Amino acid sequence: MPLPTVAHRILAAPKAGSNAASEDAADAHIEAWPVRAAVADGATESAFSGLWARTLVGELLARSTTTAEAFEAAVDAGRAEWAAAVASRIDDRPWYVRAKAEEGAFAAVLSVTLHEDGVWTGLSVGDCCLFHLRDGAVIATWPYEDPDAFTHRPSLVPSRRTRPVPAPGTTTGDWEPGDALLLATDAVAAWLLRRDAASVLDTDPSAFGRAVQTARKKGALRNDDATLLVLTIDDAARP
């Protein structure tokens, strides 16, 4: 049986009231198997954290990253890339920006790999969250199931080589044609755990932005960068 095609879309809404660029990142490689997807959430308190989130996502998608050893190699490559990019940007910045950059950036990250044999693997540091949907219902969430479990002090991946890389959590599952996987940064994840996560499957970027805005006004969604990557597996190959 031929492998199904996989599609993805990224739904994102910036933090309300902020002119700064989003510190989240998301991307997927769906052109060939294994399929890879990742999201990252840069820590607001650190300098150039959005750049670090984008760098991490790029490195995780550039290689097979399904083990702790492969994850550490991806982080190491990303650290070199981030440091070079930051060095070219801080020469004309105020001293306090340069000092903050010396402390490094931090980010939570989640990646998923879909393998040809019907297995998917997940890898995570921090509080991004994965939702596995089948037949319109959530059959698993990872690493959180409780919307109240999110904290303001999650484990984070540091950009500086002087800081240790946290050991990533890993998990596996089985995918079927017709399934969907949602990769969410923390604020969106907590929101989806309190509602019907399947409701976002047919949502376009404009509708997502409106839903986020409405949820924030109601106090149902924390005001933070909101990013959701929707990965859908074509059901044409379903027996």
Protein backbone atom coordinates (compact mmCIF):
# COMPACT_ATOMS: atom_id res chain seq x y z
CA MET A 1 0.00 0.00 0.00
CA PRO A 2 1.45 3.42 -0.89
CA LEU A 3 2.24 5.81 1.91
CA PRO A 4 -0.34 8.54 2.47
CA THR A 5 0.43 12.15 1.80
CA VAL A 6 0.81 14.49 4.78
CA ALA A 7 -0.21 18.14 4.88
CA HIS A 8 0.50 20.81 7.44
CA ARG A 9 -0.50 24.34 8.26
CA ILE A 10 0.70 26.78 10.88
CA LEU A 11 -1.80 28.83 12.87
CA ALA A 12 -0.29 31.70 14.83
CA ALA A 13 -1.37 34.82 16.69
CA PRO A 14 1.10 37.23 18.33
CA LYS A 15 0.84 38.41 21.89
CA ALA A 16 -1.82 41.11 22.19
CA GLY A 17 -0.52 44.63 22.75
CA SER A 18 3.04 43.86 21.71
CA ASN A 19 4.87 45.22 18.69
CA ALA A 20 7.69 42.70 19.10
CA ALA A 21 8.04 39.77 16.71
CA SER A 22 6.73 36.41 17.86
CA GLU A 23 9.15 34.35 19.93
CA ASP A 24 7.52 31.10 18.75
CA ALA A 25 8.58 29.04 15.75
CA ALA A 26 7.02 26.14 13.84
CA ASP A 27 7.77 24.24 10.66
CA ALA A 28 7.46 20.81 9.03
CA HIS A 29 9.17 18.73 6.37
CA ILE A 30 6.44 16.76 4.60
CA GLU A 31 7.92 16.25 1.13
CA ALA A 32 9.41 12.84 1.90
CA TRP A 33 9.28 10.15 4.57
CA PRO A 34 9.99 10.18 7.45
CA VAL A 35 7.85 13.27 7.99
CA ARG A 36 9.10 15.73 10.60
CA ALA A 37 7.44 18.63 12.43
CA ALA A 38 8.52 20.86 15.31
CA VAL A 39 7.46 23.85 17.37
CA ALA A 40 9.49 25.95 19.80
CA ASP A 41 8.62 28.69 22.28
CA GLY A 42 11.35 31.20 23.07
CA ALA A 43 11.46 32.53 26.64
CA THR A 44 10.45 36.19 26.74
CA GLU A 45 12.94 37.02 29.48
CA SER A 46 15.95 36.06 27.35
CA ALA A 47 17.56 37.94 24.46
CA PHE A 48 17.13 36.82 20.84
CA SER A 49 14.86 33.99 22.00
CA GLY A 50 12.76 34.09 18.84
CA LEU A 51 15.90 33.55 16.81
CA TRP A 52 16.83 30.65 19.09
CA ALA A 53 13.37 29.07 18.67
CA ARG A 54 13.62 29.32 14.87
CA THR A 55 17.16 27.93 14.92
CA LEU A 56 16.16 24.97 17.08
CA VAL A 57 13.22 24.09 14.84
CA GLY A 58 15.43 24.27 11.75
CA GLU A 59 18.10 22.01 13.22
CA LEU A 60 15.58 19.45 14.48
CA LEU A 61 14.01 19.21 11.04
CA ALA A 62 17.33 19.02 9.20
CA ARG A 63 18.19 15.57 10.55
CA SER A 64 16.71 12.48 12.16
CA THR A 65 16.14 13.58 15.75
CA THR A 66 14.41 10.75 17.58
CA THR A 67 16.93 10.05 20.36
CA ALA A 68 18.51 12.05 23.17
CA GLU A 69 21.90 11.80 21.46
CA ALA A 70 20.56 13.11 18.16
CA PHE A 71 18.75 15.89 20.01
CA GLU A 72 21.95 17.01 21.72
CA ALA A 73 23.75 17.04 18.36
CA ALA A 74 21.00 19.21 16.87
CA VAL A 75 21.16 21.60 19.82
CA ASP A 76 24.95 21.83 19.52
CA ALA A 77 24.70 22.73 15.84
CA GLY A 78 21.99 25.26 16.62
CA ARG A 79 24.09 26.88 19.33
CA ALA A 80 26.88 27.61 16.86
CA GLU A 81 24.41 29.02 14.33
CA TRP A 82 22.67 31.18 16.95
CA ALA A 83 25.92 32.55 18.37
CA ALA A 84 27.16 33.55 14.91
CA ALA A 85 23.87 35.26 14.07
CA VAL A 86 23.76 37.15 17.37
CA ALA A 87 27.39 38.28 17.08
CA SER A 88 26.55 40.01 13.80
CA ARG A 89 23.63 41.88 15.37
CA ILE A 90 24.88 43.27 18.68
CA ASP A 91 27.84 45.48 17.75
CA ASP A 92 25.70 48.62 17.58
CA ARG A 93 23.32 47.65 20.38
CA PRO A 94 23.36 49.20 23.88
CA TRP A 95 25.55 47.56 26.51
CA TYR A 96 22.60 46.01 28.32
CA VAL A 97 21.47 44.22 25.15
CA ARG A 98 24.97 42.83 24.69
CA ALA A 99 25.04 41.76 28.35
CA LYS A 100 21.69 40.02 28.01
CA ALA A 101 22.86 38.27 24.85
CA GLU A 102 25.86 36.94 26.76
CA GLU A 103 23.45 35.17 29.13
CA GLY A 104 21.98 33.36 26.14
CA ALA A 105 18.47 32.52 25.03
CA PHE A 106 16.13 29.75 26.16
CA ALA A 107 13.28 27.87 24.52
CA ALA A 108 10.84 25.02 25.01
CA VAL A 109 10.68 22.66 22.05
CA LEU A 110 8.64 19.72 20.75
CA SER A 111 9.32 17.60 17.67
CA VAL A 112 7.46 14.70 16.08
CA THR A 113 8.65 12.22 13.45
CA LEU A 114 6.25 10.03 11.46
CA HIS A 115 7.94 6.84 10.26
CA GLU A 116 6.98 4.74 7.26
CA ASP A 117 6.11 1.72 9.44
CA GLY A 118 3.14 3.44 11.08
CA VAL A 119 4.97 4.59 14.21
CA TRP A 120 5.52 8.16 15.32
CA THR A 121 8.08 9.36 17.86
CA GLY A 122 7.92 12.51 19.94
CA LEU A 123 10.65 14.43 21.74
CA SER A 124 10.16 17.34 24.14
CA VAL A 125 11.86 19.74 26.51
CA GLY A 126 9.56 22.18 28.26
CA ASP A 127 5.85 22.85 27.98
CA CYS A 128 4.89 22.59 24.34
CA CYS A 129 2.27 19.87 23.88
CA LEU A 130 1.23 17.23 21.36
CA PHE A 131 -2.37 16.20 20.61
CA HIS A 132 -3.07 13.00 18.65
CA LEU A 133 -6.51 12.94 17.04
CA ARG A 134 -8.34 10.08 15.35
CA ASP A 135 -11.87 10.11 13.96
CA GLY A 136 -12.37 13.60 15.32
CA ALA A 137 -11.44 12.76 18.91
CA VAL A 138 -8.30 13.23 20.99
CA ILE A 139 -6.79 9.82 21.75
CA ALA A 140 -3.60 11.06 23.46
CA THR A 141 -1.88 14.22 24.66
CA TRP A 142 1.77 14.52 25.64
CA PRO A 143 3.58 15.47 27.82
CA TYR A 144 0.58 17.10 29.54
CA GLU A 145 -3.01 16.02 30.04
CA ASP A 146 -4.04 18.58 32.69
CA PRO A 147 -4.43 22.23 31.64
CA ASP A 148 -3.45 23.26 35.17
CA ALA A 149 -0.11 21.46 34.90
CA PHE A 150 1.54 24.27 32.95
CA THR A 151 3.93 26.35 35.04
CA HIS A 152 6.03 29.44 34.49
CA ARG A 153 9.24 27.49 35.18
CA PRO A 154 9.45 24.70 32.61
CA SER A 155 12.69 23.07 31.54
CA LEU A 156 14.21 25.02 28.65
CA VAL A 157 16.94 24.45 26.08
CA PRO A 158 19.74 27.04 26.49
CA SER A 159 21.61 28.55 23.56
CA ARG A 160 24.94 28.92 25.35
CA ARG A 161 27.37 25.99 25.45
CA THR A 162 28.28 26.83 29.05
CA ARG A 163 24.85 25.54 30.13
CA PRO A 164 23.87 21.85 30.08
CA VAL A 165 21.24 20.56 27.67
CA PRO A 166 18.23 19.08 29.52
CA ALA A 167 17.54 15.45 28.69
CA PRO A 168 14.48 15.39 26.42
CA GLY A 169 11.39 13.40 27.20
CA THR A 170 10.46 10.89 24.52
CA THR A 171 7.33 8.99 23.57
CA THR A 172 5.96 6.89 20.71
CA GLY A 173 2.60 6.08 19.19
CA ASP A 174 0.99 4.54 16.14
CA TRP A 175 -0.44 6.63 13.33
CA GLU A 176 -3.14 5.67 10.84
CA PRO A 177 -4.36 7.34 7.65
CA GLY A 178 -6.84 10.01 8.62
CA ASP A 179 -5.10 10.88 11.89
CA ALA A 180 -4.03 14.40 12.84
CA LEU A 181 -1.26 15.57 15.15
CA LEU A 182 -1.35 19.03 16.72
CA LEU A 183 1.84 20.61 18.06
CA ALA A 184 1.05 23.56 20.33
CA THR A 185 3.00 26.09 22.36
CA ASP A 186 2.01 26.31 26.01
CA ALA A 187 -0.76 28.91 26.05
CA VAL A 188 -2.58 27.26 23.14
CA ALA A 189 -2.03 23.81 24.61
CA ALA A 190 -3.65 24.74 27.95
CA TRP A 191 -6.56 26.32 26.05
CA LEU A 192 -7.09 23.23 23.85
CA LEU A 193 -7.02 20.92 26.87
CA ARG A 194 -10.08 22.76 28.17
CA ARG A 195 -12.08 22.55 24.92
CA ASP A 196 -12.65 20.37 21.88
CA ALA A 197 -9.19 20.27 20.29
CA ALA A 198 -10.67 18.80 17.10
CA SER A 199 -12.45 22.11 16.49
CA VAL A 200 -9.22 23.61 15.13
CA LEU A 201 -8.79 20.98 12.39
CA ASP A 202 -10.68 23.00 9.79
CA THR A 203 -9.65 26.40 11.11
CA ASP A 204 -7.85 28.82 8.81
CA PRO A 205 -5.33 31.43 10.05
CA SER A 206 -7.89 34.25 10.14
CA ALA A 207 -10.44 32.25 12.11
CA PHE A 208 -7.71 31.07 14.47
CA GLY A 209 -6.67 34.66 15.14
CA ARG A 210 -10.26 35.64 15.91
CA ALA A 211 -10.74 32.63 18.20
CA VAL A 212 -7.56 33.46 20.10
CA GLN A 213 -8.59 37.10 20.48
CA THR A 214 -12.03 36.10 21.79
CA ALA A 215 -10.57 33.54 24.21
CA ARG A 216 -8.14 36.11 25.59
CA LYS A 217 -10.93 38.60 26.22
CA LYS A 218 -12.86 35.92 28.11
CA GLY A 219 -9.80 34.98 30.17
CA ALA A 220 -9.76 31.48 28.70
CA LEU A 221 -6.39 31.91 26.98
CA ARG A 222 -3.29 33.48 28.50
CA ASN A 223 -1.92 36.46 26.59
CA ASP A 224 1.18 34.96 25.02
CA ASP A 225 2.36 34.17 21.52
CA ALA A 226 -0.03 31.47 20.30
CA THR A 227 1.26 28.93 17.80
CA LEU A 228 -0.29 25.69 16.57
CA LEU A 229 1.06 23.36 13.88
CA VAL A 230 -1.61 21.07 12.41
CA LEU A 231 -0.27 17.90 10.77
CA THR A 232 -2.86 15.85 8.86
CA ILE A 233 -2.41 12.40 7.31
CA ASP A 234 -4.47 11.76 4.19
CA ASP A 235 -7.09 9.05 4.69
CA ALA A 236 -7.12 7.98 1.03
CA ALA A 237 -4.81 5.10 1.94
CA ARG A 238 -7.16 3.84 4.66
CA PRO A 239 -8.26 0.24 3.97
